[in-house]
PDB file of N, CA and C in Angstrom:
ATOM      1  N   ILE A   1       0.836  -1.193   0.000  1.00  0.00           N
ATOM      2  CA  ILE A   1       0.000   0.000   0.000  1.00  0.00           C
ATOM      3  C   ILE A   1       0.878   1.253   0.000  1.00  0.00           C
ATOM      4  N   ILE A   2       1.938   1.226   0.780  1.00  0.00           N
ATOM      5  CA  ILE A   2       2.804   2.402   0.865  1.00  0.00           C
ATOM      6  C   ILE A   2       3.477   2.669  -0.477  1.00  0.00           C
ATOM      7  N   LEU A   3       3.950   1.618  -1.143  1.00  0.00           N
ATOM      8  CA  LEU A   3       4.607   1.801  -2.435  1.00  0.00           C
ATOM      9  C   LEU A   3       3.628   2.295  -3.493  1.00  0.00           C
ATOM     10  N   LYS A   4       2.387   1.828  -3.416  1.00  0.00           N
ATOM     11  CA  LYS A   4       1.376   2.287  -4.367  1.00  0.00           C
ATOM     12  C   LYS A   4       1.101   3.778  -4.168  1.00  0.00           C
ATOM     13  N   ARG A   5       0.953   4.205  -2.929  1.00  0.00           N
ATOM     14  CA  ARG A   5       0.718   5.626  -2.658  1.00  0.00           C
ATOM     15  C   ARG A   5       1.921   6.468  -3.058  1.00  0.00           C
ATOM     16  N   LEU A   6       3.113   5.942  -2.816  1.00  0.00           N
ATOM     17  CA  LEU A   6       4.315   6.670  -3.201  1.00  0.00           C
ATOM     18  C   LEU A   6       4.401   6.819  -4.712  1.00  0.00           C
ATOM     19  N   SER A   7       4.058   5.759  -5.438  1.00  0.00           N
ATOM     20  CA  SER A   7       4.103   5.860  -6.903  1.00  0.00           C
ATOM     21  C   SER A   7       3.060   6.852  -7.413  1.00  0.00           C
ATOM     22  N   PHE A   8       1.880   6.891  -6.801  1.00  0.00           N
ATOM     23  CA  PHE A   8       0.876   7.881  -7.192  1.00  0.00           C
ATOM     24  C   PHE A   8       1.364   9.296  -6.894  1.00  0.00           C
ATOM     25  N   SER A   9       2.009   9.462  -5.750  1.00  0.00           N
ATOM     26  CA  SER A   9       2.524  10.779  -5.379  1.00  0.00           C
ATOM     27  C   SER A   9       3.617  11.240  -6.345  1.00  0.00           C
ATOM     28  N   LEU A  10       4.527  10.332  -6.693  1.00  0.00           N
ATOM     29  CA  LEU A  10       5.581  10.691  -7.640  1.00  0.00           C
ATOM     30  C   LEU A  10       5.000  11.029  -9.009  1.00  0.00           C
ATOM     31  N   THR A  11       4.002  10.257  -9.442  1.00  0.00           N
ATOM     32  CA  THR A  11       3.371  10.526 -10.733  1.00  0.00           C
ATOM     33  C   THR A  11       2.665  11.877 -10.731  1.00  0.00           C
ATOM     34  N   SER A  12       1.968  12.189  -9.648  1.00  0.00           N
ATOM     35  CA  SER A  12       1.265  13.475  -9.597  1.00  0.00           C
ATOM     36  C   SER A  12       2.253  14.641  -9.560  1.00  0.00           C
ATOM     37  N   HIS A  13       3.362  14.488  -8.830  1.00  0.00           N
ATOM     38  CA  HIS A  13       4.378  15.543  -8.827  1.00  0.00           C
ATOM     39  C   HIS A  13       4.975  15.716 -10.218  1.00  0.00           C
ATOM     40  N   PHE A  14       5.258  14.605 -10.898  1.00  0.00           N
ATOM     41  CA  PHE A  14       5.846  14.670 -12.226  1.00  0.00           C
ATOM     42  C   PHE A  14       4.906  15.350 -13.225  1.00  0.00           C
ATOM     43  N   CYS A  15       3.622  15.049 -13.128  1.00  0.00           N
ATOM     44  CA  CYS A  15       2.652  15.619 -14.077  1.00  0.00           C
ATOM     45  C   CYS A  15       2.320  17.079 -13.774  1.00  0.00           C
ATOM     46  N   SER A  16       2.302  17.450 -12.512  1.00  0.00           N
ATOM     47  CA  SER A  16       1.905  18.819 -12.174  1.00  0.00           C
ATOM     48  C   SER A  16       3.073  19.788 -12.119  1.00  0.00           C
ATOM     49  N   TYR A  17       4.296  19.296 -12.155  1.00  0.00           N
ATOM     50  CA  TYR A  17       5.457  20.182 -12.011  1.00  0.00           C
ATOM     51  C   TYR A  17       5.547  21.241 -13.112  1.00  0.00           C
ATOM     52  N   PRO A  18       5.333  20.901 -14.390  1.00  0.00           N
ATOM     53  CA  PRO A  18       5.383  21.968 -15.404  1.00  0.00           C
ATOM     54  C   PRO A  18       4.370  23.081 -15.165  1.00  0.00           C
ATOM     55  N   PHE A  19       3.209  22.748 -14.625  1.00  0.00           N
ATOM     56  CA  PHE A  19       2.212  23.775 -14.335  1.00  0.00           C
ATOM     57  C   PHE A  19       2.680  24.688 -13.198  1.00  0.00           C
ATOM     58  N   ASP A  20       3.379  24.118 -12.216  1.00  0.00           N
ATOM     59  CA  ASP A  20       3.939  24.938 -11.147  1.00  0.00           C
ATOM     60  C   ASP A  20       4.990  25.896 -11.686  1.00  0.00           C
ATOM     61  N   VAL A  21       5.798  25.419 -12.647  1.00  0.00           N
ATOM     62  CA  VAL A  21       6.805  26.284 -13.262  1.00  0.00           C
ATOM     63  C   VAL A  21       6.124  27.431 -14.003  1.00  0.00           C
ATOM     64  N   LEU A  22       5.074  27.124 -14.755  1.00  0.00           N
ATOM     65  CA  LEU A  22       4.338  28.174 -15.470  1.00  0.00           C
ATOM     66  C   LEU A  22       3.717  29.173 -14.500  1.00  0.00           C
ATOM     67  N   LYS A  23       3.136  28.666 -13.430  1.00  0.00           N
ATOM     68  CA  LYS A  23       2.504  29.540 -12.440  1.00  0.00           C
ATOM     69  C   LYS A  23       3.540  30.474 -11.806  1.00  0.00           C
ATOM     70  N   SER A  24       4.697  29.920 -11.466  1.00  0.00           N
ATOM     71  CA  SER A  24       5.746  30.744 -10.859  1.00  0.00           C
ATOM     72  C   SER A  24       6.266  31.785 -11.844  1.00  0.00           C
ATOM     73  N   THR A  25       6.430  31.386 -13.103  1.00  0.00           N
ATOM     74  CA  THR A  25       6.887  32.333 -14.117  1.00  0.00           C
ATOM     75  C   THR A  25       5.878  33.457 -14.295  1.00  0.00           C
ATOM     76  N   ARG A  26       4.613  33.128 -14.307  1.00  0.00           N
ATOM     77  CA  ARG A  26       3.574  34.154 -14.467  1.00  0.00           C
ATOM     78  C   ARG A  26       3.533  35.091 -13.266  1.00  0.00           C
ATOM     79  N   GLN A  27       3.704  34.537 -12.069  1.00  0.00           N
ATOM     80  CA  GLN A  27       3.696  35.378 -10.874  1.00  0.00           C
ATOM     81  C   GLN A  27       4.882  36.336 -10.863  1.00  0.00           C
ATOM     82  N   MET A  28       6.025  35.902 -11.400  1.00  0.00           N
ATOM     83  CA  MET A  28       7.191  36.780 -11.443  1.00  0.00           C
ATOM     84  C   MET A  28       7.031  37.878 -12.485  1.00  0.00           C
ATOM     85  N   SER A  29       6.191  37.656 -13.496  1.00  0.00           N
ATOM     86  CA  SER A  29       6.029  38.664 -14.548  1.00  0.00           C
ATOM     87  C   SER A  29       4.700  39.412 -14.428  1.00  0.00           C
ATOM     88  N   MET A  30       4.142  39.470 -13.243  1.00  0.00           N
ATOM     89  CA  MET A  30       2.871  40.175 -13.045  1.00  0.00           C
ATOM     90  C   MET A  30       3.017  41.686 -13.168  1.00  0.00           C
ATOM     91  N   SER A  31       4.248  42.203 -13.129  1.00  0.00           N
ATOM     92  CA  SER A  31       4.423  43.650 -13.247  1.00  0.00           C
ATOM     93  C   SER A  31       4.215  44.125 -14.682  1.00  0.00           C
ATOM     94  N   ALA A  32       4.260  43.204 -15.640  1.00  0.00           N
ATOM     95  CA  ALA A  32       4.043  43.580 -17.045  1.00  0.00           C
ATOM     96  C   ALA A  32       2.579  43.920 -17.262  1.00  0.00           C
ATOM     97  N   GLU A  33       2.337  44.817 -18.177  1.00  0.00           N
ATOM     98  CA  GLU A  33       0.956  45.203 -18.498  1.00  0.00           C
ATOM     99  C   GLU A  33       0.625  44.768 -19.901  1.00  0.00           C
ATOM    100  N   PRO A  34      -0.321  43.977 -20.166  1.00  0.00           N
ATOM    101  CA  PRO A  34      -0.989  43.036 -19.269  1.00  0.00           C
ATOM    102  C   PRO A  34      -0.076  41.838 -18.999  1.00  0.00           C
ATOM    103  N   PRO A  35      -0.282  41.147 -17.888  1.00  0.00           N
ATOM    104  CA  PRO A  35       0.572  39.997 -17.600  1.00  0.00           C
ATOM    105  C   PRO A  35       0.324  38.881 -18.630  1.00  0.00           C
ATOM    106  N   PRO A  36       1.372  38.173 -19.031  1.00  0.00           N
ATOM    107  CA  PRO A  36       1.190  37.125 -20.037  1.00  0.00           C
ATOM    108  C   PRO A  36       0.392  35.953 -19.477  1.00  0.00           C
ATOM    109  N   SER A  37      -0.365  35.318 -20.352  1.00  0.00           N
ATOM    110  CA  SER A  37      -1.117  34.143 -19.910  1.00  0.00           C
ATOM    111  C   SER A  37      -0.170  32.947 -19.801  1.00  0.00           C
ATOM    112  N   MET A  38      -0.611  31.925 -19.105  1.00  0.00           N
ATOM    113  CA  MET A  38       0.213  30.720 -18.955  1.00  0.00           C
ATOM    114  C   MET A  38       0.422  30.048 -20.306  1.00  0.00           C
ATOM    115  N   LEU A  39      -0.590  30.101 -21.164  1.00  0.00           N
ATOM    116  CA  LEU A  39      -0.461  29.510 -22.497  1.00  0.00           C
ATOM    117  C   LEU A  39       0.591  30.256 -23.315  1.00  0.00           C
ATOM    118  N   THR A  40       0.609  31.573 -23.217  1.00  0.00           N
ATOM    119  CA  THR A  40       1.603  32.371 -23.944  1.00  0.00           C
ATOM    120  C   THR A  40       3.017  32.026 -23.488  1.00  0.00           C
ATOM    121  N   ILE A  41       3.205  31.887 -22.181  1.00  0.00           N
ATOM    122  CA  ILE A  41       4.523  31.545 -21.644  1.00  0.00           C
ATOM    123  C   ILE A  41       4.945  30.163 -22.133  1.00  0.00           C
ATOM    124  N   ALA A  42       4.023  29.204 -22.090  1.00  0.00           N
ATOM    125  CA  ALA A  42       4.340  27.837 -22.520  1.00  0.00           C
ATOM    126  C   ALA A  42       4.691  27.798 -24.004  1.00  0.00           C
ATOM    127  N   LEU A  43       3.925  28.504 -24.819  1.00  0.00           N
ATOM    128  CA  LEU A  43       4.207  28.508 -26.257  1.00  0.00           C
ATOM    129  C   LEU A  43       5.546  29.159 -26.570  1.00  0.00           C
ATOM    130  N   GLU A  44       5.901  30.206 -25.838  1.00  0.00           N
ATOM    131  CA  GLU A  44       7.206  30.845 -26.046  1.00  0.00           C
ATOM    132  C   GLU A  44       8.341  29.871 -25.745  1.00  0.00           C
ATOM    133  N   LYS A  45       8.193  29.102 -24.668  1.00  0.00           N
ATOM    134  CA  LYS A  45       9.250  28.158 -24.287  1.00  0.00           C
ATOM    135  C   LYS A  45       9.335  26.995 -25.270  1.00  0.00           C
ATOM    136  N   VAL A  46       8.194  26.513 -25.747  1.00  0.00           N
ATOM    137  CA  VAL A  46       8.195  25.391 -26.687  1.00  0.00           C
ATOM    138  C   VAL A  46       8.740  25.832 -28.045  1.00  0.00           C
ATOM    139  N   ARG A  47       8.424  27.027 -28.470  1.00  0.00           N
ATOM    140  CA  ARG A  47       8.935  27.525 -29.752  1.00  0.00           C
ATOM    141  C   ARG A  47      10.447  27.721 -29.722  1.00  0.00           C
ATOM    142  N   GLY A  48      11.013  27.860 -28.544  1.00  0.00           N
ATOM    143  CA  GLY A  48      12.453  28.025 -28.414  1.00  0.00           C
ATOM    144  C   GLY A  48      13.218  26.747 -28.671  1.00  0.00           C
ATOM    145  N   GLY A  49      12.536  25.639 -28.794  1.00  0.00           N
ATOM    146  CA  GLY A  49      13.189  24.354 -29.026  1.00  0.00           C
ATOM    147  C   GLY A  49      12.765  23.350 -27.977  1.00  0.00           C
ATOM    148  N   TYR A  50      12.626  22.109 -28.396  1.00  0.00           N
ATOM    149  CA  TYR A  50      12.125  21.072 -27.491  1.00  0.00           C
ATOM    150  C   TYR A  50      13.090  20.817 -26.339  1.00  0.00           C
ATOM    151  N   SER A  51      14.382  20.763 -26.620  1.00  0.00           N
ATOM    152  CA  SER A  51      15.330  20.446 -25.542  1.00  0.00           C
ATOM    153  C   SER A  51      15.392  21.573 -24.515  1.00  0.00           C
ATOM    154  N   SER A  52      15.335  22.809 -24.977  1.00  0.00           N
ATOM    155  CA  SER A  52      15.354  23.915 -24.018  1.00  0.00           C
ATOM    156  C   SER A  52      14.036  23.990 -23.246  1.00  0.00           C
ATOM    157  N   ALA A  53      12.924  23.640 -23.895  1.00  0.00           N
ATOM    158  CA  ALA A  53      11.633  23.644 -23.193  1.00  0.00           C
ATOM    159  C   ALA A  53      11.597  22.552 -22.131  1.00  0.00           C
ATOM    160  N   ALA A  54      12.107  21.358 -22.469  1.00  0.00           N
ATOM    161  CA  ALA A  54      12.135  20.271 -21.490  1.00  0.00           C
ATOM    162  C   ALA A  54      13.020  20.644 -20.308  1.00  0.00           C
ATOM    163  N   LYS A  55      14.149  21.276 -20.595  1.00  0.00           N
ATOM    164  CA  LYS A  55      15.040  21.706 -19.522  1.00  0.00           C
ATOM    165  C   LYS A  55      14.368  22.783 -18.670  1.00  0.00           C
ATOM    166  N   TYR A  56      13.634  23.681 -19.296  1.00  0.00           N
ATOM    167  CA  TYR A  56      12.946  24.752 -18.569  1.00  0.00           C
ATOM    168  C   TYR A  56      11.859  24.191 -17.651  1.00  0.00           C
ATOM    169  N   PHE A  57      11.057  23.285 -18.183  1.00  0.00           N
ATOM    170  CA  PHE A  57       9.921  22.783 -17.406  1.00  0.00           C
ATOM    171  C   PHE A  57      10.314  21.772 -16.336  1.00  0.00           C
ATOM    172  N   PHE A  58      11.402  21.025 -16.538  1.00  0.00           N
ATOM    173  CA  PHE A  58      11.732  19.939 -15.618  1.00  0.00           C
ATOM    174  C   PHE A  58      13.072  20.123 -14.918  1.00  0.00           C
ATOM    175  N   SER A  59      13.610  21.343 -14.868  1.00  0.00           N
ATOM    176  CA  SER A  59      14.944  21.545 -14.303  1.00  0.00           C
ATOM    177  C   SER A  59      15.003  21.295 -12.800  1.00  0.00           C
ATOM    178  N   GLY A  60      13.972  21.528 -12.052  1.00  0.00           N
ATOM    179  CA  GLY A  60      13.990  21.319 -10.609  1.00  0.00           C
ATOM    180  C   GLY A  60      13.178  20.130 -10.161  1.00  0.00           C
ATOM    181  N   LEU A  61      12.878  19.243 -11.081  1.00  0.00           N
ATOM    182  CA  LEU A  61      11.992  18.119 -10.769  1.00  0.00           C
ATOM    183  C   LEU A  61      12.616  17.150  -9.771  1.00  0.00           C
ATOM    184  N   GLY A  62      13.929  16.992  -9.811  1.00  0.00           N
ATOM    185  CA  GLY A  62      14.588  16.043  -8.904  1.00  0.00           C
ATOM    186  C   GLY A  62      14.322  16.360  -7.445  1.00  0.00           C
ATOM    187  N   THR A  63      14.461  17.625  -7.071  1.00  0.00           N
ATOM    188  CA  THR A  63      14.210  17.990  -5.676  1.00  0.00           C
ATOM    189  C   THR A  63      12.733  17.862  -5.328  1.00  0.00           C
ATOM    190  N   ALA A  64      11.858  18.117  -6.290  1.00  0.00           N
ATOM    191  CA  ALA A  64      10.421  17.967  -6.020  1.00  0.00           C
ATOM    192  C   ALA A  64      10.072  16.504  -5.776  1.00  0.00           C
ATOM    193  N   LEU A  65      10.691  15.602  -6.537  1.00  0.00           N
ATOM    194  CA  LEU A  65      10.418  14.180  -6.340  1.00  0.00           C
ATOM    195  C   LEU A  65      11.018  13.677  -5.035  1.00  0.00           C
ATOM    196  N   VAL A  66      12.172  14.209  -4.647  1.00  0.00           N
ATOM    197  CA  VAL A  66      12.757  13.824  -3.361  1.00  0.00           C
ATOM    198  C   VAL A  66      11.851  14.285  -2.221  1.00  0.00           C
ATOM    199  N   ARG A  67      11.247  15.468  -2.376  1.00  0.00           N
ATOM    200  CA  ARG A  67      10.299  15.960  -1.364  1.00  0.00           C
ATOM    201  C   ARG A  67       9.050  15.111  -1.294  1.00  0.00           C
ATOM    202  N   ALA A  68       8.728  14.397  -2.354  1.00  0.00           N
ATOM    203  CA  ALA A  68       7.512  13.585  -2.376  1.00  0.00           C
ATOM    204  C   ALA A  68       7.599  12.419  -1.398  1.00  0.00           C
ATOM    205  N   PHE A  69       8.789  11.909  -1.145  1.00  0.00           N
ATOM    206  CA  PHE A  69       8.929  10.783  -0.215  1.00  0.00           C
ATOM    207  C   PHE A  69       8.486  11.137   1.198  1.00  0.00           C
ATOM    208  N   PRO A  70       9.038  12.172   1.837  1.00  0.00           N
ATOM    209  CA  PRO A  70       8.576  12.478   3.197  1.00  0.00           C
ATOM    210  C   PRO A  70       7.135  12.965   3.245  1.00  0.00           C
ATOM    211  N   VAL A  71       6.691  13.674   2.214  1.00  0.00           N
ATOM    212  CA  VAL A  71       5.303  14.135   2.194  1.00  0.00           C
ATOM    213  C   VAL A  71       4.358  12.943   2.157  1.00  0.00           C
ATOM    214  N   SER A  72       4.661  11.961   1.335  1.00  0.00           N
ATOM    215  CA  SER A  72       3.828  10.762   1.264  1.00  0.00           C
ATOM    216  C   SER A  72       3.828  10.010   2.592  1.00  0.00           C
ATOM    217  N   ALA A  73       4.988   9.950   3.227  1.00  0.00           N
ATOM    218  CA  ALA A  73       5.074   9.266   4.513  1.00  0.00           C
ATOM    219  C   ALA A  73       4.241   9.973   5.572  1.00  0.00           C
ATOM    220  N   VAL A  74       4.308  11.291   5.611  1.00  0.00           N
ATOM    221  CA  VAL A  74       3.537  12.047   6.600  1.00  0.00           C
ATOM    222  C   VAL A  74       2.044  11.888   6.353  1.00  0.00           C
ATOM    223  N   VAL A  75       1.632  11.966   5.105  1.00  0.00           N
ATOM    224  CA  VAL A  75       0.209  11.796   4.781  1.00  0.00           C
ATOM    225  C   VAL A  75      -0.259  10.397   5.177  1.00  0.00           C
ATOM    226  N   PHE A  76       0.554   9.389   4.911  1.00  0.00           N
ATOM    227  CA  PHE A  76       0.185   8.020   5.273  1.00  0.00           C
ATOM    228  C   PHE A  76       0.038   7.879   6.787  1.00  0.00           C
ATOM    229  N   VAL A  77       0.987   8.386   7.554  1.00  0.00           N
ATOM    230  CA  VAL A  77       0.939   8.260   9.012  1.00  0.00           C
ATOM    231  C   VAL A  77      -0.260   9.010   9.581  1.00  0.00           C
ATOM    232  N   VAL A  78      -0.515  10.215   9.093  1.00  0.00           N
ATOM    233  CA  VAL A  78      -1.654  10.996   9.592  1.00  0.00           C
ATOM    234  C   VAL A  78      -2.969  10.286   9.276  1.00  0.00           C
ATOM    235  N   CYS A  79      -3.104   9.782   8.060  1.00  0.00           N
ATOM    236  CA  CYS A  79      -4.341   9.081   7.695  1.00  0.00           C
ATOM    237  C   CYS A  79      -4.520   7.814   8.516  1.00  0.00           C
ATOM    238  N   LYS A  80      -3.438   7.070   8.721  1.00  0.00           N
ATOM    239  CA  LYS A  80      -3.526   5.835   9.503  1.00  0.00           C
ATOM    240  C   LYS A  80      -3.872   6.133  10.954  1.00  0.00           C
ATOM    241  N   CYS A  81      -3.252   7.162  11.541  1.00  0.00           N
ATOM    242  CA  CYS A  81      -3.568   7.527  12.930  1.00  0.00           C
ATOM    243  C   CYS A  81      -5.005   8.011  13.059  1.00  0.00           C
ATOM    244  N   TRP A  82      -5.466   8.811  12.086  1.00  0.00           N
ATOM    245  CA  TRP A  82      -6.846   9.274  12.128  1.00  0.00           C
ATOM    246  C   TRP A  82      -7.815   8.104  12.007  1.00  0.00           C
ATOM    247  N   TYR A  83      -7.495   7.149  11.147  1.00  0.00           N
ATOM    248  CA  TYR A  83      -8.341   5.976  10.961  1.00  0.00           C
ATOM    249  C   TYR A  83      -8.436   5.177  12.261  1.00  0.00           C
ATOM    250  N   ILE A  84      -7.309   4.958  12.913  1.00  0.00           N
ATOM    251  CA  ILE A  84      -7.312   4.206  14.174  1.00  0.00           C
ATOM    252  C   ILE A  84      -8.096   4.967  15.231  1.00  0.00           C
ATOM    253  N   TYR A  85      -7.910   6.269  15.328  1.00  0.00           N
ATOM    254  CA  TYR A  85      -8.663   7.076  16.285  1.00  0.00           C
ATOM    255  C   TYR A  85     -10.157   7.005  15.987  1.00  0.00           C
ATOM    256  N   PHE A  86     -10.514   7.152  14.723  1.00  0.00           N
ATOM    257  CA  PHE A  86     -11.929   7.148  14.347  1.00  0.00           C
ATOM    258  C   PHE A  86     -12.577   5.816  14.688  1.00  0.00           C
ATOM    259  N   ILE A  87     -11.925   4.719  14.370  1.00  0.00           N
ATOM    260  CA  ILE A  87     -12.482   3.392  14.658  1.00  0.00           C
ATOM    261  C   ILE A  87     -12.603   3.180  16.164  1.00  0.00           C
ATOM    262  N   ASN A  88     -11.559   3.513  16.923  1.00  0.00           N
ATOM    263  CA  ASN A  88     -11.563   3.230  18.348  1.00  0.00           C
ATOM    264  C   ASN A  88     -12.405   4.197  19.159  1.00  0.00           C
ATOM    265  N   GLU A  89     -12.271   5.482  18.932  1.00  0.00           N
ATOM    266  CA  GLU A  89     -12.918   6.483  19.773  1.00  0.00           C
ATOM    267  C   GLU A  89     -14.307   6.872  19.300  1.00  0.00           C
ATOM    268  N   VAL A  90     -14.482   7.080  18.032  1.00  0.00           N
ATOM    269  CA  VAL A  90     -15.753   7.569  17.530  1.00  0.00           C
ATOM    270  C   VAL A  90     -16.754   6.420  17.392  1.00  0.00           C
ATOM    271  N   LEU A  91     -16.326   5.336  16.788  1.00  0.00           N
ATOM    272  CA  LEU A  91     -17.232   4.203  16.593  1.00  0.00           C
ATOM    273  C   LEU A  91     -17.266   3.255  17.766  1.00  0.00           C
ATOM    274  N   GLY A  92     -16.284   3.370  18.661  1.00  0.00           N
ATOM    275  CA  GLY A  92     -16.262   2.536  19.853  1.00  0.00           C
ATOM    276  C   GLY A  92     -15.853   1.105  19.598  1.00  0.00           C
ATOM    277  N   SER A  93     -15.245   0.825  18.504  1.00  0.00           N
ATOM    278  CA  SER A  93     -14.808  -0.528  18.201  1.00  0.00           C
ATOM    279  C   SER A  93     -13.350  -0.706  18.606  1.00  0.00           C
ATOM    280  N   THR A  94     -13.036  -1.870  19.119  1.00  0.00           N
ATOM    281  CA  THR A  94     -11.639  -2.161  19.472  1.00  0.00           C
ATOM    282  C   THR A  94     -11.028  -3.147  18.522  1.00  0.00           C
ATOM    283  N   GLN A  95     -11.748  -3.499  17.463  1.00  0.00           N
ATOM    284  CA  GLN A  95     -11.226  -4.453  16.493  1.00  0.00           C
ATOM    285  C   GLN A  95     -10.593  -3.692  15.331  1.00  0.00           C
ATOM    286  N   LEU A  96      -9.388  -4.107  14.971  1.00  0.00           N
ATOM    287  CA  LEU A  96      -8.712  -3.566  13.792  1.00  0.00           C
ATOM    288  C   LEU A  96      -8.205  -4.681  12.945  1.00  0.00           C
TER     289      LEU A  96
END
């Protein structure tokens, strides 16, 4: 179960990371009038070449994936503790 959740977490980080890069880029360029849309930023990077676009979108992915391990562990422990509390205290059952 833990490995399955970890693989889902890594997959979600991998898929959502380019959107985080676009969001951060847009937030940094909010002083421009009008601020560029996320689609405009993405198209500019892709038109610059596939290898440079891949490097732009995935340059910090390694640290994000490393962060996924402890985050997944914390979420698992919190959910498991809440589940045990809910079963024992709220429902009054001592069977697990």
